[in-house]
């Protein structure tokens, strides 16, 4: 018979500063990794602008990256059960942007 491990619950108070509470919009995440860690750069890509700026960089261990993946999968599942399936547009070829580029000479606002 397996022994039950006693779990002690810890309460963590998380402070959310005013600036962080505003959040940062990102429509592209670039993920790289080494044997020790994952690096996620959150960028914002705009149509007609050939340059993207990194607005936030998150560095985490491989174990935490896997836990984040599980948490995202769980939350996407919960979201879809409440609001319906999230539609993902046709996959773009690697290196291309997820929106239509302006035609040469076309004015971009």
PDB file of N, CA and C in Angstrom:
ATOM      1  N   UNK A   1       0.840  -1.165   0.000  1.00  0.00           N
ATOM      2  CA  UNK A   1       0.000   0.000   0.000  1.00  0.00           C
ATOM      3  C   UNK A   1       0.895   1.241   0.000  1.00  0.00           C
ATOM      4  N   UNK A   2       0.609   2.144  -0.931  1.00  0.00           N
ATOM      5  CA  UNK A   2       1.424   3.346  -1.063  1.00  0.00           C
ATOM      6  C   UNK A   2       1.090   4.345   0.024  1.00  0.00           C
ATOM      7  N   UNK A   3       2.128   4.936   0.555  1.00  0.00           N
ATOM      8  CA  UNK A   3       1.918   5.958   1.588  1.00  0.00           C
ATOM      9  C   UNK A   3       1.472   7.255   0.925  1.00  0.00           C
ATOM     10  N   UNK A   4       0.530   7.916   1.561  1.00  0.00           N
ATOM     11  CA  UNK A   4       0.091   9.216   1.064  1.00  0.00           C
ATOM     12  C   UNK A   4       1.074  10.268   1.565  1.00  0.00           C
ATOM     13  N   UNK A   5       1.496  11.085   0.656  1.00  0.00           N
ATOM     14  CA  UNK A   5       2.390  12.162   1.065  1.00  0.00           C
ATOM     15  C   UNK A   5       1.554  13.331   1.537  1.00  0.00           C
ATOM     16  N   UNK A   6       1.923  13.845   2.677  1.00  0.00           N
ATOM     17  CA  UNK A   6       1.192  14.971   3.220  1.00  0.00           C
ATOM     18  C   UNK A   6       1.647  16.239   2.511  1.00  0.00           C
ATOM     19  N   UNK A   7       0.678  16.948   1.936  1.00  0.00           N
ATOM     20  CA  UNK A   7       0.992  18.178   1.226  1.00  0.00           C
ATOM     21  C   UNK A   7       0.678  19.359   2.122  1.00  0.00           C
ATOM     22  N   UNK A   8       1.653  20.226   2.236  1.00  0.00           N
ATOM     23  CA  UNK A   8       1.415  21.443   2.999  1.00  0.00           C
ATOM     24  C   UNK A   8       1.120  22.550   2.005  1.00  0.00           C
ATOM     25  N   UNK A   9       0.020  23.247   2.222  1.00  0.00           N
ATOM     26  CA  UNK A   9      -0.327  24.322   1.305  1.00  0.00           C
ATOM     27  C   UNK A   9       0.382  25.588   1.739  1.00  0.00           C
ATOM     28  N   UNK A  10       0.963  26.241   0.767  1.00  0.00           N
ATOM     29  CA  UNK A  10       1.651  27.495   1.005  1.00  0.00           C
ATOM     30  C   UNK A  10       0.861  28.603   0.349  1.00  0.00           C
ATOM     31  N   UNK A  11       0.742  29.710   1.016  1.00  0.00           N
ATOM     32  CA  UNK A  11       0.089  30.862   0.433  1.00  0.00           C
ATOM     33  C   UNK A  11       1.174  31.845   0.037  1.00  0.00           C
ATOM     34  N   UNK A  12       1.103  32.304  -1.195  1.00  0.00           N
ATOM     35  CA  UNK A  12       2.080  33.263  -1.694  1.00  0.00           C
ATOM     36  C   UNK A  12       1.349  34.548  -2.016  1.00  0.00           C
ATOM     37  N   UNK A  13       1.796  35.623  -1.430  1.00  0.00           N
ATOM     38  CA  UNK A  13       1.240  36.931  -1.766  1.00  0.00           C
ATOM     39  C   UNK A  13       2.006  37.472  -2.959  1.00  0.00           C
ATOM     40  N   UNK A  14       1.285  37.777  -4.023  1.00  0.00           N
ATOM     41  CA  UNK A  14       1.901  38.273  -5.251  1.00  0.00           C
ATOM     42  C   UNK A  14       1.570  39.749  -5.394  1.00  0.00           C
ATOM     43  N   UNK A  15       2.609  40.548  -5.525  1.00  0.00           N
ATOM     44  CA  UNK A  15       2.431  41.989  -5.697  1.00  0.00           C
ATOM     45  C   UNK A  15       2.425  42.313  -7.185  1.00  0.00           C
ATOM     46  N   UNK A  16       1.410  43.029  -7.628  1.00  0.00           N
ATOM     47  CA  UNK A  16       1.291  43.432  -9.024  1.00  0.00           C
ATOM     48  C   UNK A  16       1.381  44.945  -9.080  1.00  0.00           C
ATOM     49  N   UNK A  17       2.507  45.426  -9.604  1.00  0.00           N
ATOM     50  CA  UNK A  17       2.720  46.862  -9.701  1.00  0.00           C
ATOM     51  C   UNK A  17       1.791  47.492 -10.726  1.00  0.00           C
ATOM     52  N   UNK A  18       1.645  48.807 -10.635  1.00  0.00           N
ATOM     53  CA  UNK A  18       0.745  49.531 -11.547  1.00  0.00           C
ATOM     54  C   UNK A  18       1.162  49.362 -13.002  1.00  0.00           C
ATOM     55  N   UNK A  19       2.442  49.489 -13.275  1.00  0.00           N
ATOM     56  CA  UNK A  19       2.939  49.357 -14.651  1.00  0.00           C
ATOM     57  C   UNK A  19       2.691  47.945 -15.186  1.00  0.00           C
ATOM     58  N   UNK A  20       2.988  46.934 -14.371  1.00  0.00           N
ATOM     59  CA  UNK A  20       2.789  45.542 -14.798  1.00  0.00           C
ATOM     60  C   UNK A  20       1.313  45.214 -14.975  1.00  0.00           C
ATOM     61  N   UNK A  21       0.451  45.853 -14.188  1.00  0.00           N
ATOM     62  CA  UNK A  21      -0.986  45.593 -14.284  1.00  0.00           C
ATOM     63  C   UNK A  21      -1.554  46.055 -15.620  1.00  0.00           C
ATOM     64  N   UNK A  22      -0.904  47.029 -16.252  1.00  0.00           N
ATOM     65  CA  UNK A  22      -1.345  47.495 -17.565  1.00  0.00           C
ATOM     66  C   UNK A  22      -1.151  46.412 -18.623  1.00  0.00           C
ATOM     67  N   UNK A  23      -0.147  45.584 -18.448  1.00  0.00           N
ATOM     68  CA  UNK A  23       0.128  44.521 -19.406  1.00  0.00           C
ATOM     69  C   UNK A  23       0.860  45.029 -20.633  1.00  0.00           C
ATOM     70  N   UNK A  24       1.310  44.091 -21.451  1.00  0.00           N
ATOM     71  CA  UNK A  24       2.003  44.385 -22.696  1.00  0.00           C
ATOM     72  C   UNK A  24       1.356  43.534 -23.777  1.00  0.00           C
ATOM     73  N   UNK A  25       0.920  44.159 -24.871  1.00  0.00           N
ATOM     74  CA  UNK A  25       0.331  43.412 -25.978  1.00  0.00           C
ATOM     75  C   UNK A  25       1.435  42.806 -26.827  1.00  0.00           C
ATOM     76  N   UNK A  26       1.272  41.557 -27.175  1.00  0.00           N
ATOM     77  CA  UNK A  26       2.220  40.861 -28.038  1.00  0.00           C
ATOM     78  C   UNK A  26       1.455  39.983 -29.012  1.00  0.00           C
ATOM     79  N   UNK A  27       1.865  40.006 -30.283  1.00  0.00           N
ATOM     80  CA  UNK A  27       1.238  39.114 -31.257  1.00  0.00           C
ATOM     81  C   UNK A  27       2.249  38.148 -31.881  1.00  0.00           C
ATOM     82  N   UNK A  28       3.436  38.102 -31.293  1.00  0.00           N
ATOM     83  CA  UNK A  28       4.451  37.162 -31.757  1.00  0.00           C
ATOM     84  C   UNK A  28       5.396  36.845 -30.606  1.00  0.00           C
ATOM     85  N   UNK A  29       5.588  35.575 -30.355  1.00  0.00           N
ATOM     86  CA  UNK A  29       6.545  35.143 -29.333  1.00  0.00           C
ATOM     87  C   UNK A  29       7.644  34.356 -30.031  1.00  0.00           C
ATOM     88  N   UNK A  30       8.874  34.699 -29.729  1.00  0.00           N
ATOM     89  CA  UNK A  30      10.027  33.999 -30.289  1.00  0.00           C
ATOM     90  C   UNK A  30      10.640  33.200 -29.146  1.00  0.00           C
ATOM     91  N   UNK A  31      10.734  31.896 -29.342  1.00  0.00           N
ATOM     92  CA  UNK A  31      11.192  31.014 -28.270  1.00  0.00           C
ATOM     93  C   UNK A  31      12.512  30.361 -28.675  1.00  0.00           C
ATOM     94  N   UNK A  32      13.497  30.501 -27.800  1.00  0.00           N
ATOM     95  CA  UNK A  32      14.782  29.828 -27.992  1.00  0.00           C
ATOM     96  C   UNK A  32      15.111  29.102 -26.692  1.00  0.00           C
ATOM     97  N   UNK A  33      16.069  28.200 -26.773  1.00  0.00           N
ATOM     98  CA  UNK A  33      16.435  27.466 -25.557  1.00  0.00           C
ATOM     99  C   UNK A  33      17.877  27.010 -25.614  1.00  0.00           C
ATOM    100  N   UNK A  34      18.400  26.772 -24.431  1.00  0.00           N
ATOM    101  CA  UNK A  34      19.724  26.181 -24.246  1.00  0.00           C
ATOM    102  C   UNK A  34      19.483  24.905 -23.443  1.00  0.00           C
ATOM    103  N   UNK A  35      20.510  24.151 -23.130  1.00  0.00           N
ATOM    104  CA  UNK A  35      20.283  22.970 -22.289  1.00  0.00           C
ATOM    105  C   UNK A  35      19.729  23.316 -20.901  1.00  0.00           C
ATOM    106  N   UNK A  36      19.923  24.553 -20.451  1.00  0.00           N
ATOM    107  CA  UNK A  36      19.528  24.912 -19.095  1.00  0.00           C
ATOM    108  C   UNK A  36      18.248  25.730 -18.990  1.00  0.00           C
ATOM    109  N   UNK A  37      17.869  26.464 -20.056  1.00  0.00           N
ATOM    110  CA  UNK A  37      16.747  27.386 -19.919  1.00  0.00           C
ATOM    111  C   UNK A  37      16.034  27.662 -21.236  1.00  0.00           C
ATOM    112  N   UNK A  38      14.814  28.187 -21.103  1.00  0.00           N
ATOM    113  CA  UNK A  38      14.030  28.645 -22.243  1.00  0.00           C
ATOM    114  C   UNK A  38      13.956  30.161 -22.163  1.00  0.00           C
ATOM    115  N   UNK A  39      14.013  30.810 -23.315  1.00  0.00           N
ATOM    116  CA  UNK A  39      13.908  32.259 -23.405  1.00  0.00           C
ATOM    117  C   UNK A  39      12.744  32.565 -24.334  1.00  0.00           C
ATOM    118  N   UNK A  40      11.775  33.338 -23.824  1.00  0.00           N
ATOM    119  CA  UNK A  40      10.615  33.715 -24.627  1.00  0.00           C
ATOM    120  C   UNK A  40      10.633  35.226 -24.770  1.00  0.00           C
ATOM    121  N   UNK A  41      10.777  35.697 -26.012  1.00  0.00           N
ATOM    122  CA  UNK A  41      10.729  37.122 -26.316  1.00  0.00           C
ATOM    123  C   UNK A  41       9.349  37.449 -26.869  1.00  0.00           C
ATOM    124  N   UNK A  42       8.663  38.385 -26.223  1.00  0.00           N
ATOM    125  CA  UNK A  42       7.335  38.803 -26.655  1.00  0.00           C
ATOM    126  C   UNK A  42       7.476  40.078 -27.474  1.00  0.00           C
ATOM    127  N   UNK A  43       7.063  40.008 -28.734  1.00  0.00           N
ATOM    128  CA  UNK A  43       7.214  41.128 -29.655  1.00  0.00           C
ATOM    129  C   UNK A  43       5.848  41.542 -30.200  1.00  0.00           C
ATOM    130  N   UNK A  44       5.844  42.676 -30.847  1.00  0.00           N
ATOM    131  CA  UNK A  44       4.644  43.170 -31.511  1.00  0.00           C
ATOM    132  C   UNK A  44       5.023  43.474 -32.949  1.00  0.00           C
ATOM    133  N   UNK A  45       4.388  42.775 -33.885  1.00  0.00           N
ATOM    134  CA  UNK A  45       4.653  42.960 -35.307  1.00  0.00           C
ATOM    135  C   UNK A  45       3.473  43.700 -35.915  1.00  0.00           C
ATOM    136  N   UNK A  46       3.760  44.747 -36.688  1.00  0.00           N
ATOM    137  CA  UNK A  46       2.707  45.535 -37.315  1.00  0.00           C
ATOM    138  C   UNK A  46       2.820  45.432 -38.830  1.00  0.00           C
ATOM    139  N   UNK A  47       1.686  45.396 -39.531  1.00  0.00           N
ATOM    140  CA  UNK A  47       1.724  45.326 -40.997  1.00  0.00           C
ATOM    141  C   UNK A  47       2.484  46.511 -41.574  1.00  0.00           C
ATOM    142  N   UNK A  48       3.338  46.249 -42.539  1.00  0.00           N
ATOM    143  CA  UNK A  48       4.072  47.306 -43.213  1.00  0.00           C
ATOM    144  C   UNK A  48       5.281  47.821 -42.458  1.00  0.00           C
ATOM    145  N   UNK A  49       5.521  47.311 -41.269  1.00  0.00           N
ATOM    146  CA  UNK A  49       6.681  47.740 -40.483  1.00  0.00           C
ATOM    147  C   UNK A  49       7.659  46.568 -40.456  1.00  0.00           C
ATOM    148  N   UNK A  50       8.820  46.724 -41.100  1.00  0.00           N
ATOM    149  CA  UNK A  50       9.737  45.590 -41.225  1.00  0.00           C
ATOM    150  C   UNK A  50      10.521  45.248 -39.957  1.00  0.00           C
ATOM    151  N   UNK A  51      10.318  46.013 -38.892  1.00  0.00           N
ATOM    152  CA  UNK A  51      11.089  45.814 -37.669  1.00  0.00           C
ATOM    153  C   UNK A  51      10.128  45.549 -36.514  1.00  0.00           C
ATOM    154  N   UNK A  52      10.506  44.637 -35.637  1.00  0.00           N
ATOM    155  CA  UNK A  52       9.689  44.350 -34.454  1.00  0.00           C
ATOM    156  C   UNK A  52      10.539  44.574 -33.212  1.00  0.00           C
ATOM    157  N   UNK A  53       9.914  45.097 -32.180  1.00  0.00           N
ATOM    158  CA  UNK A  53      10.611  45.364 -30.931  1.00  0.00           C
ATOM    159  C   UNK A  53      10.220  44.310 -29.905  1.00  0.00           C
ATOM    160  N   UNK A  54      11.197  43.874 -29.104  1.00  0.00           N
ATOM    161  CA  UNK A  54      10.914  42.971 -27.997  1.00  0.00           C
ATOM    162  C   UNK A  54      10.424  43.831 -26.836  1.00  0.00           C
ATOM    163  N   UNK A  55       9.194  43.546 -26.359  1.00  0.00           N
ATOM    164  CA  UNK A  55       8.607  44.309 -25.259  1.00  0.00           C
ATOM    165  C   UNK A  55       8.804  43.634 -23.915  1.00  0.00           C
ATOM    166  N   UNK A  56       9.023  42.321 -23.943  1.00  0.00           N
ATOM    167  CA  UNK A  56       9.262  41.600 -22.693  1.00  0.00           C
ATOM    168  C   UNK A  56      10.041  40.331 -23.015  1.00  0.00           C
ATOM    169  N   UNK A  57      10.931  39.964 -22.112  1.00  0.00           N
ATOM    170  CA  UNK A  57      11.704  38.718 -22.240  1.00  0.00           C
ATOM    171  C   UNK A  57      11.525  37.951 -20.940  1.00  0.00           C
ATOM    172  N   UNK A  58      11.120  36.686 -21.076  1.00  0.00           N
ATOM    173  CA  UNK A  58      10.954  35.823 -19.913  1.00  0.00           C
ATOM    174  C   UNK A  58      11.938  34.669 -20.052  1.00  0.00           C
ATOM    175  N   UNK A  59      12.731  34.452 -19.017  1.00  0.00           N
ATOM    176  CA  UNK A  59      13.716  33.366 -19.003  1.00  0.00           C
ATOM    177  C   UNK A  59      13.311  32.414 -17.888  1.00  0.00           C
ATOM    178  N   UNK A  60      13.227  31.122 -18.226  1.00  0.00           N
ATOM    179  CA  UNK A  60      12.812  30.131 -17.230  1.00  0.00           C
ATOM    180  C   UNK A  60      13.524  28.809 -17.460  1.00  0.00           C
ATOM    181  N   UNK A  61      13.535  27.995 -16.423  1.00  0.00           N
ATOM    182  CA  UNK A  61      14.133  26.661 -16.536  1.00  0.00           C
ATOM    183  C   UNK A  61      13.276  25.802 -17.453  1.00  0.00           C
ATOM    184  N   UNK A  62      13.853  24.723 -17.954  1.00  0.00           N
ATOM    185  CA  UNK A  62      13.113  23.792 -18.809  1.00  0.00           C
ATOM    186  C   UNK A  62      11.912  23.214 -18.059  1.00  0.00           C
ATOM    187  N   UNK A  63      12.082  22.924 -16.775  1.00  0.00           N
ATOM    188  CA  UNK A  63      10.985  22.381 -15.980  1.00  0.00           C
ATOM    189  C   UNK A  63       9.832  23.382 -15.884  1.00  0.00           C
ATOM    190  N   UNK A  64      10.148  24.657 -15.655  1.00  0.00           N
ATOM    191  CA  UNK A  64       9.103  25.668 -15.577  1.00  0.00           C
ATOM    192  C   UNK A  64       8.451  25.896 -16.939  1.00  0.00           C
ATOM    193  N   UNK A  65       9.222  25.768 -18.015  1.00  0.00           N
ATOM    194  CA  UNK A  65       8.642  25.894 -19.354  1.00  0.00           C
ATOM    195  C   UNK A  65       7.609  24.796 -19.586  1.00  0.00           C
ATOM    196  N   UNK A  66       7.920  23.585 -19.145  1.00  0.00           N
ATOM    197  CA  UNK A  66       6.972  22.476 -19.309  1.00  0.00           C
ATOM    198  C   UNK A  66       5.728  22.697 -18.452  1.00  0.00           C
ATOM    199  N   UNK A  67       5.909  23.216 -17.236  1.00  0.00           N
ATOM    200  CA  UNK A  67       4.760  23.530 -16.385  1.00  0.00           C
ATOM    201  C   UNK A  67       3.910  24.648 -17.005  1.00  0.00           C
ATOM    202  N   UNK A  68       4.550  25.634 -17.626  1.00  0.00           N
ATOM    203  CA  UNK A  68       3.819  26.695 -18.315  1.00  0.00           C
ATOM    204  C   UNK A  68       3.021  26.113 -19.475  1.00  0.00           C
ATOM    205  N   UNK A  69       3.626  25.213 -20.232  1.00  0.00           N
ATOM    206  CA  UNK A  69       2.933  24.556 -21.338  1.00  0.00           C
ATOM    207  C   UNK A  69       1.680  23.844 -20.838  1.00  0.00           C
ATOM    208  N   UNK A  70       1.808  23.090 -19.760  1.00  0.00           N
ATOM    209  CA  UNK A  70       0.650  22.375 -19.193  1.00  0.00           C
ATOM    210  C   UNK A  70      -0.430  23.352 -18.737  1.00  0.00           C
ATOM    211  N   UNK A  71      -0.019  24.447 -18.091  1.00  0.00           N
ATOM    212  CA  UNK A  71      -0.988  25.434 -17.614  1.00  0.00           C
ATOM    213  C   UNK A  71      -1.707  26.105 -18.786  1.00  0.00           C
ATOM    214  N   UNK A  72      -0.972  26.409 -19.856  1.00  0.00           N
ATOM    215  CA  UNK A  72      -1.593  27.005 -21.039  1.00  0.00           C
ATOM    216  C   UNK A  72      -2.572  26.030 -21.688  1.00  0.00           C
ATOM    217  N   UNK A  73      -2.169  24.764 -21.821  1.00  0.00           N
ATOM    218  CA  UNK A  73      -3.069  23.757 -22.402  1.00  0.00           C
ATOM    219  C   UNK A  73      -4.346  23.643 -21.585  1.00  0.00           C
ATOM    220  N   UNK A  74      -4.213  23.612 -20.268  1.00  0.00           N
ATOM    221  CA  UNK A  74      -5.369  23.503 -19.381  1.00  0.00           C
ATOM    222  C   UNK A  74      -6.279  24.722 -19.532  1.00  0.00           C
ATOM    223  N   UNK A  75      -5.695  25.916 -19.578  1.00  0.00           N
ATOM    224  CA  UNK A  75      -6.502  27.127 -19.687  1.00  0.00           C
ATOM    225  C   UNK A  75      -7.138  27.286 -21.062  1.00  0.00           C
ATOM    226  N   UNK A  76      -6.457  26.874 -22.127  1.00  0.00           N
ATOM    227  CA  UNK A  76      -7.059  26.911 -23.460  1.00  0.00           C
ATOM    228  C   UNK A  76      -8.242  25.948 -23.511  1.00  0.00           C
ATOM    229  N   UNK A  77      -8.093  24.765 -22.923  1.00  0.00           N
ATOM    230  CA  UNK A  77      -9.186  23.790 -22.869  1.00  0.00           C
ATOM    231  C   UNK A  77     -10.393  24.374 -22.134  1.00  0.00           C
ATOM    232  N   UNK A  78     -10.155  25.026 -20.992  1.00  0.00           N
ATOM    233  CA  UNK A  78     -11.239  25.648 -20.222  1.00  0.00           C
ATOM    234  C   UNK A  78     -11.892  26.780 -21.011  1.00  0.00           C
ATOM    235  N   UNK A  79     -11.087  27.598 -21.677  1.00  0.00           N
ATOM    236  CA  UNK A  79     -11.597  28.709 -22.477  1.00  0.00           C
ATOM    237  C   UNK A  79     -12.502  28.181 -23.588  1.00  0.00           C
ATOM    238  N   UNK A  80     -12.017  27.153 -24.311  1.00  0.00           N
ATOM    239  CA  UNK A  80     -12.788  26.615 -25.434  1.00  0.00           C
ATOM    240  C   UNK A  80     -14.071  25.931 -24.972  1.00  0.00           C
ATOM    241  N   UNK A  81     -14.059  25.326 -23.804  1.00  0.00           N
ATOM    242  CA  UNK A  81     -15.284  24.687 -23.327  1.00  0.00           C
ATOM    243  C   UNK A  81     -16.328  25.745 -22.967  1.00  0.00           C
ATOM    244  N   UNK A  82     -15.885  26.933 -22.610  1.00  0.00           N
ATOM    245  CA  UNK A  82     -16.806  28.005 -22.243  1.00  0.00           C
ATOM    246  C   UNK A  82     -17.206  28.867 -23.440  1.00  0.00           C
ATOM    247  N   UNK A  83     -16.254  29.180 -24.323  1.00  0.00           N
ATOM    248  CA  UNK A  83     -16.499  30.136 -25.399  1.00  0.00           C
ATOM    249  C   UNK A  83     -16.461  29.533 -26.799  1.00  0.00           C
ATOM    250  N   UNK A  84     -16.115  28.285 -26.935  1.00  0.00           N
ATOM    251  CA  UNK A  84     -16.015  27.664 -28.253  1.00  0.00           C
ATOM    252  C   UNK A  84     -14.576  27.575 -28.728  1.00  0.00           C
ATOM    253  N   UNK A  85     -14.403  26.808 -29.781  1.00  0.00           N
ATOM    254  CA  UNK A  85     -13.056  26.548 -30.299  1.00  0.00           C
ATOM    255  C   UNK A  85     -12.378  27.825 -30.771  1.00  0.00           C
ATOM    256  N   UNK A  86     -11.113  27.943 -30.451  1.00  0.00           N
ATOM    257  CA  UNK A  86     -10.295  29.057 -30.932  1.00  0.00           C
ATOM    258  C   UNK A  86      -9.842  28.688 -32.342  1.00  0.00           C
ATOM    259  N   UNK A  87     -10.204  29.512 -33.300  1.00  0.00           N
ATOM    260  CA  UNK A  87      -9.826  29.258 -34.690  1.00  0.00           C
ATOM    261  C   UNK A  87      -8.439  29.826 -34.942  1.00  0.00           C
ATOM    262  N   UNK A  88      -7.579  29.005 -35.502  1.00  0.00           N
ATOM    263  CA  UNK A  88      -6.241  29.447 -35.875  1.00  0.00           C
ATOM    264  C   UNK A  88      -6.202  29.490 -37.387  1.00  0.00           C
ATOM    265  N   UNK A  89      -5.833  30.650 -37.924  1.00  0.00           N
ATOM    266  CA  UNK A  89      -5.762  30.803 -39.370  1.00  0.00           C
ATOM    267  C   UNK A  89      -4.744  29.827 -39.933  1.00  0.00           C
ATOM    268  N   UNK A  90      -4.840  29.578 -41.229  1.00  0.00           N
ATOM    269  CA  UNK A  90      -3.925  28.648 -41.880  1.00  0.00           C
ATOM    270  C   UNK A  90      -2.493  28.967 -41.468  1.00  0.00           C
ATOM    271  N   UNK A  91      -1.752  27.931 -41.198  1.00  0.00           N
ATOM    272  CA  UNK A  91      -0.363  28.102 -40.772  1.00  0.00           C
ATOM    273  C   UNK A  91       0.418  28.855 -41.847  1.00  0.00           C
ATOM    274  N   UNK A  92       1.168  29.847 -41.412  1.00  0.00           N
ATOM    275  CA  UNK A  92       2.025  30.607 -42.314  1.00  0.00           C
ATOM    276  C   UNK A  92       3.341  29.863 -42.476  1.00  0.00           C
ATOM    277  N   UNK A  93       3.938  29.924 -43.666  1.00  0.00           N
ATOM    278  CA  UNK A  93       5.255  29.303 -43.812  1.00  0.00           C
ATOM    279  C   UNK A  93       6.227  29.927 -42.823  1.00  0.00           C
ATOM    280  N   UNK A  94       7.168  29.138 -42.345  1.00  0.00           N
ATOM    281  CA  UNK A  94       8.113  29.633 -41.346  1.00  0.00           C
ATOM    282  C   UNK A  94       8.808  30.880 -41.859  1.00  0.00           C
ATOM    283  N   UNK A  95       8.860  31.878 -41.009  1.00  0.00           N
ATOM    284  CA  UNK A  95       9.516  33.126 -41.378  1.00  0.00           C
ATOM    285  C   UNK A  95       8.573  34.157 -41.955  1.00  0.00           C
ATOM    286  N   UNK A  96       7.343  33.767 -42.303  1.00  0.00           N
ATOM    287  CA  UNK A  96       6.418  34.756 -42.834  1.00  0.00           C
ATOM    288  C   UNK A  96       5.546  35.295 -41.712  1.00  0.00           C
ATOM    289  N   UNK A  97       4.939  36.425 -41.938  1.00  0.00           N
ATOM    290  CA  UNK A  97       4.138  37.073 -40.913  1.00  0.00           C
ATOM    291  C   UNK A  97       2.686  36.625 -41.009  1.00  0.00           C
ATOM    292  N   UNK A  98       1.954  36.667 -39.895  1.00  0.00           N
ATOM    293  CA  UNK A  98       0.588  36.164 -39.877  1.00  0.00           C
ATOM    294  C   UNK A  98      -0.458  37.128 -40.431  1.00  0.00           C
ATOM    295  N   UNK A  99      -0.042  38.103 -41.252  1.00  0.00           N
ATOM    296  CA  UNK A  99      -0.999  38.996 -41.879  1.00  0.00           C
ATOM    297  C   UNK A  99      -0.475  39.355 -43.259  1.00  0.00           C
ATOM    298  N   UNK A 100      -1.367  39.899 -44.065  1.00  0.00           N
ATOM    299  CA  UNK A 100      -1.020  40.207 -45.443  1.00  0.00           C
ATOM    300  C   UNK A 100      -0.150  41.453 -45.513  1.00  0.00           C
ATOM    301  N   UNK A 101       0.935  41.362 -46.249  1.00  0.00           N
ATOM    302  CA  UNK A 101       1.835  42.490 -46.425  1.00  0.00           C
ATOM    303  C   UNK A 101       1.221  43.486 -47.402  1.00  0.00           C
ATOM    304  N   UNK A 102       1.463  44.802 -47.208  1.00  0.00           N
ATOM    305  CA  UNK A 102       0.931  45.786 -48.161  1.00  0.00           C
ATOM    306  C   UNK A 102       1.621  45.637 -49.514  1.00  0.00           C
ATOM    307  N   UNK A 103       0.888  45.985 -50.549  1.00  0.00           N
ATOM    308  CA  UNK A 103       1.455  45.936 -51.894  1.00  0.00           C
ATOM    309  C   UNK A 103       2.449  47.083 -52.063  1.00  0.00           C
ATOM    310  N   UNK A 104       3.418  46.940 -52.967  1.00  0.00           N
ATOM    311  CA  UNK A 104       4.376  48.023 -53.181  1.00  0.00           C
ATOM    312  C   UNK A 104       3.641  49.317 -53.548  1.00  0.00           C
ATOM    313  N   UNK A 105       3.977  50.399 -52.893  1.00  0.00           N
ATOM    314  CA  UNK A 105       3.348  51.682 -53.152  1.00  0.00           C
ATOM    315  C   UNK A 105       2.060  51.911 -52.393  1.00  0.00           C
ATOM    316  N   UNK A 106       1.536  50.863 -51.721  1.00  0.00           N
ATOM    317  CA  UNK A 106       0.299  50.993 -50.967  1.00  0.00           C
ATOM    318  C   UNK A 106       0.564  51.789 -49.688  1.00  0.00           C
ATOM    319  N   UNK A 107      -0.320  52.721 -49.385  1.00  0.00           N
ATOM    320  CA  UNK A 107      -0.161  53.569 -48.204  1.00  0.00           C
ATOM    321  C   UNK A 107      -0.568  52.794 -46.964  1.00  0.00           C
ATOM    322  N   UNK A 108       0.271  52.863 -45.916  1.00  0.00           N
ATOM    323  CA  UNK A 108      -0.002  52.203 -44.658  1.00  0.00           C
ATOM    324  C   UNK A 108      -0.262  53.275 -43.622  1.00  0.00           C
ATOM    325  N   UNK A 109      -1.377  53.189 -42.923  1.00  0.00           N
ATOM    326  CA  UNK A 109      -1.703  54.190 -41.900  1.00  0.00           C
ATOM    327  C   UNK A 109      -0.910  53.969 -40.659  1.00  0.00           C
TER     328      UNK A 109
END
